[in-house]
Amino acid sequence: MGKLSKEEFMKRVEATPSVEPDEWDLEMLEAIETENDTSEGITLAEMDALRKCNGRISVRVPKQLHRELVVRAKDNGVSLNQYIVYKLAKG
């Protein structure tokens, strides 16, 4: 492939579809800006860890605790998952 003329280069640039940043991109940009602004910003390792968060957590609990959680969820008329999410969010 030889050198492109300025006109050909501009045609290719204009033909390239633009991509809007998604929420992840914006969060990381903000994190990078924070890192640049202060020494207390998010690290690259933390950014990588955040990217791997998909909303699923697998936790092993003792059988008795599992039973108690199932009973409490049933008493509250919600699924076990909903009950655990509620308790985690409540703190």
PDB file of N, CA and C in Angstrom:
ATOM      1  N   MET A   1       0.846  -1.176   0.000  1.00  0.00           N
ATOM      2  CA  MET A   1       0.000   0.000   0.000  1.00  0.00           C
ATOM      3  C   MET A   1       0.888   1.235   0.000  1.00  0.00           C
ATOM      4  N   GLY A   2       0.687   2.088  -0.963  1.00  0.00           N
ATOM      5  CA  GLY A   2       1.487   3.297  -1.076  1.00  0.00           C
ATOM      6  C   GLY A   2       0.951   4.409  -0.200  1.00  0.00           C
ATOM      7  N   LYS A   3       1.591   5.549  -0.290  1.00  0.00           N
ATOM      8  CA  LYS A   3       1.142   6.713   0.473  1.00  0.00           C
ATOM      9  C   LYS A   3      -0.194   7.204  -0.054  1.00  0.00           C
ATOM     10  N   LEU A   4      -1.016   7.694   0.860  1.00  0.00           N
ATOM     11  CA  LEU A   4      -2.309   8.258   0.484  1.00  0.00           C
ATOM     12  C   LEU A   4      -2.167   9.748   0.230  1.00  0.00           C
ATOM     13  N   SER A   5      -2.924  10.222  -0.728  1.00  0.00           N
ATOM     14  CA  SER A   5      -2.971  11.674  -0.927  1.00  0.00           C
ATOM     15  C   SER A   5      -3.774  12.267   0.217  1.00  0.00           C
ATOM     16  N   LYS A   6      -3.633  13.550   0.413  1.00  0.00           N
ATOM     17  CA  LYS A   6      -4.376  14.226   1.472  1.00  0.00           C
ATOM     18  C   LYS A   6      -5.876  14.037   1.256  1.00  0.00           C
ATOM     19  N   GLU A   7      -6.318  14.136   0.011  1.00  0.00           N
ATOM     20  CA  GLU A   7      -7.741  13.986  -0.297  1.00  0.00           C
ATOM     21  C   GLU A   7      -8.238  12.575   0.036  1.00  0.00           C
ATOM     22  N   GLU A   8      -7.453  11.565  -0.347  1.00  0.00           N
ATOM     23  CA  GLU A   8      -7.834  10.179  -0.066  1.00  0.00           C
ATOM     24  C   GLU A   8      -7.856   9.922   1.442  1.00  0.00           C
ATOM     25  N   PHE A   9      -6.879  10.462   2.128  1.00  0.00           N
ATOM     26  CA  PHE A   9      -6.828  10.328   3.584  1.00  0.00           C
ATOM     27  C   PHE A   9      -8.080  10.934   4.211  1.00  0.00           C
ATOM     28  N   MET A  10      -8.453  12.140   3.785  1.00  0.00           N
ATOM     29  CA  MET A  10      -9.622  12.817   4.343  1.00  0.00           C
ATOM     30  C   MET A  10     -10.901  12.032   4.032  1.00  0.00           C
ATOM     31  N   LYS A  11     -10.995  11.450   2.844  1.00  0.00           N
ATOM     32  CA  LYS A  11     -12.162  10.637   2.496  1.00  0.00           C
ATOM     33  C   LYS A  11     -12.277   9.443   3.444  1.00  0.00           C
ATOM     34  N   ARG A  12     -11.144   8.817   3.733  1.00  0.00           N
ATOM     35  CA  ARG A  12     -11.160   7.651   4.629  1.00  0.00           C
ATOM     36  C   ARG A  12     -11.519   8.054   6.053  1.00  0.00           C
ATOM     37  N   VAL A  13     -11.002   9.183   6.485  1.00  0.00           N
ATOM     38  CA  VAL A  13     -11.330   9.667   7.832  1.00  0.00           C
ATOM     39  C   VAL A  13     -12.824   9.944   7.928  1.00  0.00           C
ATOM     40  N   GLU A  14     -13.364  10.626   6.928  1.00  0.00           N
ATOM     41  CA  GLU A  14     -14.790  10.954   6.935  1.00  0.00           C
ATOM     42  C   GLU A  14     -15.657   9.707   6.848  1.00  0.00           C
ATOM     43  N   ALA A  15     -15.174   8.663   6.194  1.00  0.00           N
ATOM     44  CA  ALA A  15     -15.936   7.419   6.048  1.00  0.00           C
ATOM     45  C   ALA A  15     -15.863   6.539   7.289  1.00  0.00           C
ATOM     46  N   THR A  16     -14.945   6.842   8.190  1.00  0.00           N
ATOM     47  CA  THR A  16     -14.799   6.049   9.407  1.00  0.00           C
ATOM     48  C   THR A  16     -15.950   6.371  10.349  1.00  0.00           C
ATOM     49  N   PRO A  17     -16.714   5.349  10.766  1.00  0.00           N
ATOM     50  CA  PRO A  17     -17.841   5.624  11.662  1.00  0.00           C
ATOM     51  C   PRO A  17     -17.342   6.115  13.016  1.00  0.00           C
ATOM     52  N   SER A  18     -18.067   7.052  13.574  1.00  0.00           N
ATOM     53  CA  SER A  18     -17.686   7.545  14.897  1.00  0.00           C
ATOM     54  C   SER A  18     -18.281   6.620  15.949  1.00  0.00           C
ATOM     55  N   VAL A  19     -17.647   6.565  17.078  1.00  0.00           N
ATOM     56  CA  VAL A  19     -18.096   5.718  18.172  1.00  0.00           C
ATOM     57  C   VAL A  19     -18.279   6.600  19.392  1.00  0.00           C
ATOM     58  N   GLU A  20     -19.449   6.525  19.971  1.00  0.00           N
ATOM     59  CA  GLU A  20     -19.719   7.287  21.183  1.00  0.00           C
ATOM     60  C   GLU A  20     -19.188   6.512  22.388  1.00  0.00           C
ATOM     61  N   PRO A  21     -18.622   7.200  23.365  1.00  0.00           N
ATOM     62  CA  PRO A  21     -18.146   6.494  24.555  1.00  0.00           C
ATOM     63  C   PRO A  21     -19.328   5.916  25.330  1.00  0.00           C
ATOM     64  N   ASP A  22     -19.140   4.708  25.864  1.00  0.00           N
ATOM     65  CA  ASP A  22     -20.195   4.127  26.684  1.00  0.00           C
ATOM     66  C   ASP A  22     -19.950   4.503  28.146  1.00  0.00           C
ATOM     67  N   GLU A  23     -20.820   4.025  29.020  1.00  0.00           N
ATOM     68  CA  GLU A  23     -20.724   4.380  30.440  1.00  0.00           C
ATOM     69  C   GLU A  23     -19.371   3.981  31.027  1.00  0.00           C
ATOM     70  N   TRP A  24     -18.889   2.797  30.643  1.00  0.00           N
ATOM     71  CA  TRP A  24     -17.593   2.319  31.126  1.00  0.00           C
ATOM     72  C   TRP A  24     -16.485   3.284  30.714  1.00  0.00           C
ATOM     73  N   ASP A  25     -16.478   3.700  29.451  1.00  0.00           N
ATOM     74  CA  ASP A  25     -15.454   4.624  28.970  1.00  0.00           C
ATOM     75  C   ASP A  25     -15.475   5.924  29.766  1.00  0.00           C
ATOM     76  N   LEU A  26     -16.675   6.448  30.005  1.00  0.00           N
ATOM     77  CA  LEU A  26     -16.797   7.711  30.734  1.00  0.00           C
ATOM     78  C   LEU A  26     -16.319   7.570  32.177  1.00  0.00           C
ATOM     79  N   GLU A  27     -16.656   6.441  32.814  1.00  0.00           N
ATOM     80  CA  GLU A  27     -16.199   6.206  34.188  1.00  0.00           C
ATOM     81  C   GLU A  27     -14.676   6.117  34.248  1.00  0.00           C
ATOM     82  N   MET A  28     -14.091   5.431  33.288  1.00  0.00           N
ATOM     83  CA  MET A  28     -12.644   5.280  33.285  1.00  0.00           C
ATOM     84  C   MET A  28     -11.950   6.602  32.977  1.00  0.00           C
ATOM     85  N   LEU A  29     -12.532   7.393  32.080  1.00  0.00           N
ATOM     86  CA  LEU A  29     -11.963   8.703  31.791  1.00  0.00           C
ATOM     87  C   LEU A  29     -11.978   9.564  33.044  1.00  0.00           C
ATOM     88  N   GLU A  30     -13.102   9.528  33.760  1.00  0.00           N
ATOM     89  CA  GLU A  30     -13.194  10.285  35.005  1.00  0.00           C
ATOM     90  C   GLU A  30     -12.176   9.771  36.022  1.00  0.00           C
ATOM     91  N   ALA A  31     -12.013   8.448  36.089  1.00  0.00           N
ATOM     92  CA  ALA A  31     -11.049   7.864  37.021  1.00  0.00           C
ATOM     93  C   ALA A  31      -9.626   8.284  36.674  1.00  0.00           C
ATOM     94  N   ILE A  32      -9.316   8.291  35.387  1.00  0.00           N
ATOM     95  CA  ILE A  32      -7.974   8.701  34.960  1.00  0.00           C
ATOM     96  C   ILE A  32      -7.750  10.170  35.285  1.00  0.00           C
ATOM     97  N   GLU A  33      -8.770  10.995  35.042  1.00  0.00           N
ATOM     98  CA  GLU A  33      -8.645  12.410  35.370  1.00  0.00           C
ATOM     99  C   GLU A  33      -8.456  12.596  36.867  1.00  0.00           C
ATOM    100  N   THR A  34      -9.185  11.797  37.658  1.00  0.00           N
ATOM    101  CA  THR A  34      -9.041  11.861  39.111  1.00  0.00           C
ATOM    102  C   THR A  34      -7.632  11.460  39.517  1.00  0.00           C
ATOM    103  N   GLU A  35      -7.117  10.406  38.884  1.00  0.00           N
ATOM    104  CA  GLU A  35      -5.758   9.939  39.178  1.00  0.00           C
ATOM    105  C   GLU A  35      -4.751  11.030  38.857  1.00  0.00           C
ATOM    106  N   ASN A  36      -4.995  11.749  37.776  1.00  0.00           N
ATOM    107  CA  ASN A  36      -4.081  12.825  37.405  1.00  0.00           C
ATOM    108  C   ASN A  36      -4.200  14.013  38.343  1.00  0.00           C
ATOM    109  N   ASP A  37      -5.392  14.222  38.909  1.00  0.00           N
ATOM    110  CA  ASP A  37      -5.622  15.379  39.767  1.00  0.00           C
ATOM    111  C   ASP A  37      -5.144  15.163  41.200  1.00  0.00           C
ATOM    112  N   THR A  38      -5.261  13.928  41.691  1.00  0.00           N
ATOM    113  CA  THR A  38      -4.881  13.656  43.080  1.00  0.00           C
ATOM    114  C   THR A  38      -4.125  12.345  43.154  1.00  0.00           C
ATOM    115  N   SER A  39      -3.452  12.170  44.258  1.00  0.00           N
ATOM    116  CA  SER A  39      -2.745  10.906  44.457  1.00  0.00           C
ATOM    117  C   SER A  39      -3.682   9.847  45.026  1.00  0.00           C
ATOM    118  N   GLU A  40      -4.945  10.212  45.277  1.00  0.00           N
ATOM    119  CA  GLU A  40      -5.898   9.271  45.860  1.00  0.00           C
ATOM    120  C   GLU A  40      -6.867   8.721  44.821  1.00  0.00           C
ATOM    121  N   GLY A  41      -6.564   8.858  43.539  1.00  0.00           N
ATOM    122  CA  GLY A  41      -7.452   8.376  42.485  1.00  0.00           C
ATOM    123  C   GLY A  41      -7.420   6.866  42.369  1.00  0.00           C
ATOM    124  N   ILE A  42      -8.202   6.356  41.445  1.00  0.00           N
ATOM    125  CA  ILE A  42      -8.283   4.916  41.218  1.00  0.00           C
ATOM    126  C   ILE A  42      -7.048   4.442  40.453  1.00  0.00           C
ATOM    127  N   THR A  43      -6.565   3.276  40.792  1.00  0.00           N
ATOM    128  CA  THR A  43      -5.385   2.733  40.116  1.00  0.00           C
ATOM    129  C   THR A  43      -5.810   1.944  38.881  1.00  0.00           C
ATOM    130  N   LEU A  44      -4.863   1.647  38.023  1.00  0.00           N
ATOM    131  CA  LEU A  44      -5.159   0.848  36.840  1.00  0.00           C
ATOM    132  C   LEU A  44      -5.666  -0.534  37.228  1.00  0.00           C
ATOM    133  N   ALA A  45      -5.111  -1.112  38.279  1.00  0.00           N
ATOM    134  CA  ALA A  45      -5.565  -2.427  38.747  1.00  0.00           C
ATOM    135  C   ALA A  45      -7.015  -2.354  39.219  1.00  0.00           C
ATOM    136  N   GLU A  46      -7.369  -1.267  39.906  1.00  0.00           N
ATOM    137  CA  GLU A  46      -8.747  -1.097  40.358  1.00  0.00           C
ATOM    138  C   GLU A  46      -9.691  -0.914  39.167  1.00  0.00           C
ATOM    139  N   MET A  47      -9.242  -0.182  38.147  1.00  0.00           N
ATOM    140  CA  MET A  47     -10.058  -0.012  36.944  1.00  0.00           C
ATOM    141  C   MET A  47     -10.314  -1.355  36.281  1.00  0.00           C
ATOM    142  N   ASP A  48      -9.281  -2.184  36.214  1.00  0.00           N
ATOM    143  CA  ASP A  48      -9.424  -3.504  35.607  1.00  0.00           C
ATOM    144  C   ASP A  48     -10.402  -4.354  36.414  1.00  0.00           C
ATOM    145  N   ALA A  49     -10.294  -4.278  37.734  1.00  0.00           N
ATOM    146  CA  ALA A  49     -11.201  -5.041  38.595  1.00  0.00           C
ATOM    147  C   ALA A  49     -12.641  -4.575  38.412  1.00  0.00           C
ATOM    148  N   LEU A  50     -12.842  -3.270  38.295  1.00  0.00           N
ATOM    149  CA  LEU A  50     -14.187  -2.738  38.089  1.00  0.00           C
ATOM    150  C   LEU A  50     -14.782  -3.218  36.775  1.00  0.00           C
ATOM    151  N   ARG A  51     -13.972  -3.298  35.768  1.00  0.00           N
ATOM    152  CA  ARG A  51     -14.454  -3.711  34.451  1.00  0.00           C
ATOM    153  C   ARG A  51     -14.971  -5.150  34.489  1.00  0.00           C
ATOM    154  N   LYS A  52     -14.410  -5.965  35.373  1.00  0.00           N
ATOM    155  CA  LYS A  52     -14.805  -7.368  35.464  1.00  0.00           C
ATOM    156  C   LYS A  52     -16.087  -7.563  36.272  1.00  0.00           C
ATOM    157  N   CYS A  53     -16.606  -6.511  36.899  1.00  0.00           N
ATOM    158  CA  CYS A  53     -17.839  -6.621  37.682  1.00  0.00           C
ATOM    159  C   CYS A  53     -19.022  -6.772  36.742  1.00  0.00           C
ATOM    160  N   ASN A  54     -19.741  -7.877  36.865  1.00  0.00           N
ATOM    161  CA  ASN A  54     -20.867  -8.124  35.977  1.00  0.00           C
ATOM    162  C   ASN A  54     -22.183  -8.269  36.726  1.00  0.00           C
ATOM    163  N   GLY A  55     -22.168  -8.008  38.036  1.00  0.00           N
ATOM    164  CA  GLY A  55     -23.404  -8.105  38.798  1.00  0.00           C
ATOM    165  C   GLY A  55     -23.660  -9.470  39.409  1.00  0.00           C
ATOM    166  N   ARG A  56     -22.729 -10.378  39.242  1.00  0.00           N
ATOM    167  CA  ARG A  56     -22.897 -11.721  39.807  1.00  0.00           C
ATOM    168  C   ARG A  56     -21.822 -11.967  40.857  1.00  0.00           C
ATOM    169  N   ILE A  57     -22.257 -12.556  41.965  1.00  0.00           N
ATOM    170  CA  ILE A  57     -21.330 -12.922  43.037  1.00  0.00           C
ATOM    171  C   ILE A  57     -21.687 -14.338  43.473  1.00  0.00           C
ATOM    172  N   SER A  58     -20.705 -15.181  43.595  1.00  0.00           N
ATOM    173  CA  SER A  58     -20.922 -16.532  44.098  1.00  0.00           C
ATOM    174  C   SER A  58     -20.301 -16.603  45.487  1.00  0.00           C
ATOM    175  N   VAL A  59     -21.131 -16.904  46.473  1.00  0.00           N
ATOM    176  CA  VAL A  59     -20.664 -16.912  47.859  1.00  0.00           C
ATOM    177  C   VAL A  59     -21.048 -18.236  48.509  1.00  0.00           C
ATOM    178  N   ARG A  60     -20.106 -18.852  49.182  1.00  0.00           N
ATOM    179  CA  ARG A  60     -20.400 -20.075  49.932  1.00  0.00           C
ATOM    180  C   ARG A  60     -20.706 -19.670  51.377  1.00  0.00           C
ATOM    181  N   VAL A  61     -21.818 -20.190  51.885  1.00  0.00           N
ATOM    182  CA  VAL A  61     -22.220 -19.891  53.260  1.00  0.00           C
ATOM    183  C   VAL A  61     -22.518 -21.206  53.974  1.00  0.00           C
ATOM    184  N   PRO A  62     -22.456 -21.197  55.301  1.00  0.00           N
ATOM    185  CA  PRO A  62     -22.811 -22.404  56.048  1.00  0.00           C
ATOM    186  C   PRO A  62     -24.272 -22.796  55.763  1.00  0.00           C
ATOM    187  N   LYS A  63     -24.562 -24.096  55.826  1.00  0.00           N
ATOM    188  CA  LYS A  63     -25.909 -24.598  55.523  1.00  0.00           C
ATOM    189  C   LYS A  63     -26.974 -23.939  56.397  1.00  0.00           C
ATOM    190  N   GLN A  64     -26.670 -23.754  57.671  1.00  0.00           N
ATOM    191  CA  GLN A  64     -27.644 -23.154  58.591  1.00  0.00           C
ATOM    192  C   GLN A  64     -27.971 -21.718  58.175  1.00  0.00           C
ATOM    193  N   LEU A  65     -26.974 -20.951  57.804  1.00  0.00           N
ATOM    194  CA  LEU A  65     -27.214 -19.577  57.346  1.00  0.00           C
ATOM    195  C   LEU A  65     -28.043 -19.590  56.067  1.00  0.00           C
ATOM    196  N   HIS A  66     -27.743 -20.511  55.175  1.00  0.00           N
ATOM    197  CA  HIS A  66     -28.506 -20.640  53.930  1.00  0.00           C
ATOM    198  C   HIS A  66     -29.985 -20.890  54.252  1.00  0.00           C
ATOM    199  N   ARG A  67     -30.235 -21.829  55.173  1.00  0.00           N
ATOM    200  CA  ARG A  67     -31.619 -22.130  55.574  1.00  0.00           C
ATOM    201  C   ARG A  67     -32.306 -20.890  56.140  1.00  0.00           C
ATOM    202  N   GLU A  68     -31.609 -20.183  57.027  1.00  0.00           N
ATOM    203  CA  GLU A  68     -32.182 -18.975  57.638  1.00  0.00           C
ATOM    204  C   GLU A  68     -32.518 -17.925  56.581  1.00  0.00           C
ATOM    205  N   LEU A  69     -31.638 -17.749  55.623  1.00  0.00           N
ATOM    206  CA  LEU A  69     -31.885 -16.774  54.563  1.00  0.00           C
ATOM    207  C   LEU A  69     -33.086 -17.172  53.712  1.00  0.00           C
ATOM    208  N   VAL A  70     -33.201 -18.465  53.404  1.00  0.00           N
ATOM    209  CA  VAL A  70     -34.341 -18.951  52.618  1.00  0.00           C
ATOM    210  C   VAL A  70     -35.645 -18.692  53.370  1.00  0.00           C
ATOM    211  N   VAL A  71     -35.666 -19.005  54.673  1.00  0.00           N
ATOM    212  CA  VAL A  71     -36.869 -18.801  55.483  1.00  0.00           C
ATOM    213  C   VAL A  71     -37.224 -17.320  55.547  1.00  0.00           C
ATOM    214  N   ARG A  72     -36.244 -16.469  55.788  1.00  0.00           N
ATOM    215  CA  ARG A  72     -36.510 -15.026  55.882  1.00  0.00           C
ATOM    216  C   ARG A  72     -36.993 -14.456  54.550  1.00  0.00           C
ATOM    217  N   ALA A  73     -36.420 -14.921  53.460  1.00  0.00           N
ATOM    218  CA  ALA A  73     -36.866 -14.466  52.140  1.00  0.00           C
ATOM    219  C   ALA A  73     -38.325 -14.873  51.924  1.00  0.00           C
ATOM    220  N   LYS A  74     -38.641 -16.125  52.265  1.00  0.00           N
ATOM    221  CA  LYS A  74     -40.014 -16.618  52.100  1.00  0.00           C
ATOM    222  C   LYS A  74     -40.976 -15.824  52.977  1.00  0.00           C
ATOM    223  N   ASP A  75     -40.587 -15.571  54.236  1.00  0.00           N
ATOM    224  CA  ASP A  75     -41.427 -14.790  55.153  1.00  0.00           C
ATOM    225  C   ASP A  75     -41.699 -13.388  54.609  1.00  0.00           C
ATOM    226  N   ASN A  76     -40.746 -12.846  53.858  1.00  0.00           N
ATOM    227  CA  ASN A  76     -40.893 -11.499  53.290  1.00  0.00           C
ATOM    228  C   ASN A  76     -41.505 -11.517  51.888  1.00  0.00           C
ATOM    229  N   GLY A  77     -41.795 -12.710  51.385  1.00  0.00           N
ATOM    230  CA  GLY A  77     -42.446 -12.829  50.084  1.00  0.00           C
ATOM    231  C   GLY A  77     -41.576 -12.439  48.903  1.00  0.00           C
ATOM    232  N   VAL A  78     -40.265 -12.643  49.043  1.00  0.00           N
ATOM    233  CA  VAL A  78     -39.339 -12.316  47.955  1.00  0.00           C
ATOM    234  C   VAL A  78     -38.431 -13.509  47.686  1.00  0.00           C
ATOM    235  N   SER A  79     -37.741 -13.449  46.562  1.00  0.00           N
ATOM    236  CA  SER A  79     -36.792 -14.518  46.249  1.00  0.00           C
ATOM    237  C   SER A  79     -35.581 -14.410  47.167  1.00  0.00           C
ATOM    238  N   LEU A  80     -34.849 -15.493  47.260  1.00  0.00           N
ATOM    239  CA  LEU A  80     -33.622 -15.486  48.052  1.00  0.00           C
ATOM    240  C   LEU A  80     -32.664 -14.419  47.532  1.00  0.00           C
ATOM    241  N   ASN A  81     -32.539 -14.333  46.217  1.00  0.00           N
ATOM    242  CA  ASN A  81     -31.657 -13.335  45.614  1.00  0.00           C
ATOM    243  C   ASN A  81     -32.088 -11.915  46.002  1.00  0.00           C
ATOM    244  N   GLN A  82     -33.387 -11.616  45.880  1.00  0.00           N
ATOM    245  CA  GLN A  82     -33.875 -10.282  46.235  1.00  0.00           C
ATOM    246  C   GLN A  82     -33.606  -9.973  47.705  1.00  0.00           C
ATOM    247  N   TYR A  83     -33.805 -10.959  48.557  1.00  0.00           N
ATOM    248  CA  TYR A  83     -33.589 -10.752  49.987  1.00  0.00           C
ATOM    249  C   TYR A  83     -32.116 -10.460  50.287  1.00  0.00           C
ATOM    250  N   ILE A  84     -31.228 -11.231  49.681  1.00  0.00           N
ATOM    251  CA  ILE A  84     -29.794 -11.025  49.915  1.00  0.00           C
ATOM    252  C   ILE A  84     -29.350  -9.667  49.380  1.00  0.00           C
ATOM    253  N   VAL A  85     -29.827  -9.283  48.198  1.00  0.00           N
ATOM    254  CA  VAL A  85     -29.480  -7.967  47.641  1.00  0.00           C
ATOM    255  C   VAL A  85     -29.959  -6.866  48.579  1.00  0.00           C
ATOM    256  N   TYR A  86     -31.184  -7.007  49.092  1.00  0.00           N
ATOM    257  CA  TYR A  86     -31.727  -6.021  50.026  1.00  0.00           C
ATOM    258  C   TYR A  86     -30.847  -5.912  51.272  1.00  0.00           C
ATOM    259  N   LYS A  87     -30.491  -7.051  51.849  1.00  0.00           N
ATOM    260  CA  LYS A  87     -29.673  -7.039  53.067  1.00  0.00           C
ATOM    261  C   LYS A  87     -28.290  -6.443  52.809  1.00  0.00           C
ATOM    262  N   LEU A  88     -27.698  -6.764  51.671  1.00  0.00           N
ATOM    263  CA  LEU A  88     -26.380  -6.204  51.347  1.00  0.00           C
ATOM    264  C   LEU A  88     -26.463  -4.691  51.154  1.00  0.00           C
ATOM    265  N   ALA A  89     -27.503  -4.243  50.472  1.00  0.00           N
ATOM    266  CA  ALA A  89     -27.652  -2.810  50.218  1.00  0.00           C
ATOM    267  C   ALA A  89     -27.939  -2.052  51.506  1.00  0.00           C
ATOM    268  N   LYS A  90     -28.681  -2.681  52.398  1.00  0.00           N
ATOM    269  CA  LYS A  90     -29.045  -2.056  53.669  1.00  0.00           C
ATOM    270  C   LYS A  90     -27.830  -1.900  54.582  1.00  0.00           C
ATOM    271  N   GLY A  91     -26.909  -2.857  54.466  1.00  0.00           N
ATOM    272  CA  GLY A  91     -25.693  -2.774  55.270  1.00  0.00           C
ATOM    273  C   GLY A  91     -25.740  -3.456  56.565  1.00  0.00           C
TER     274      GLY A  91
END
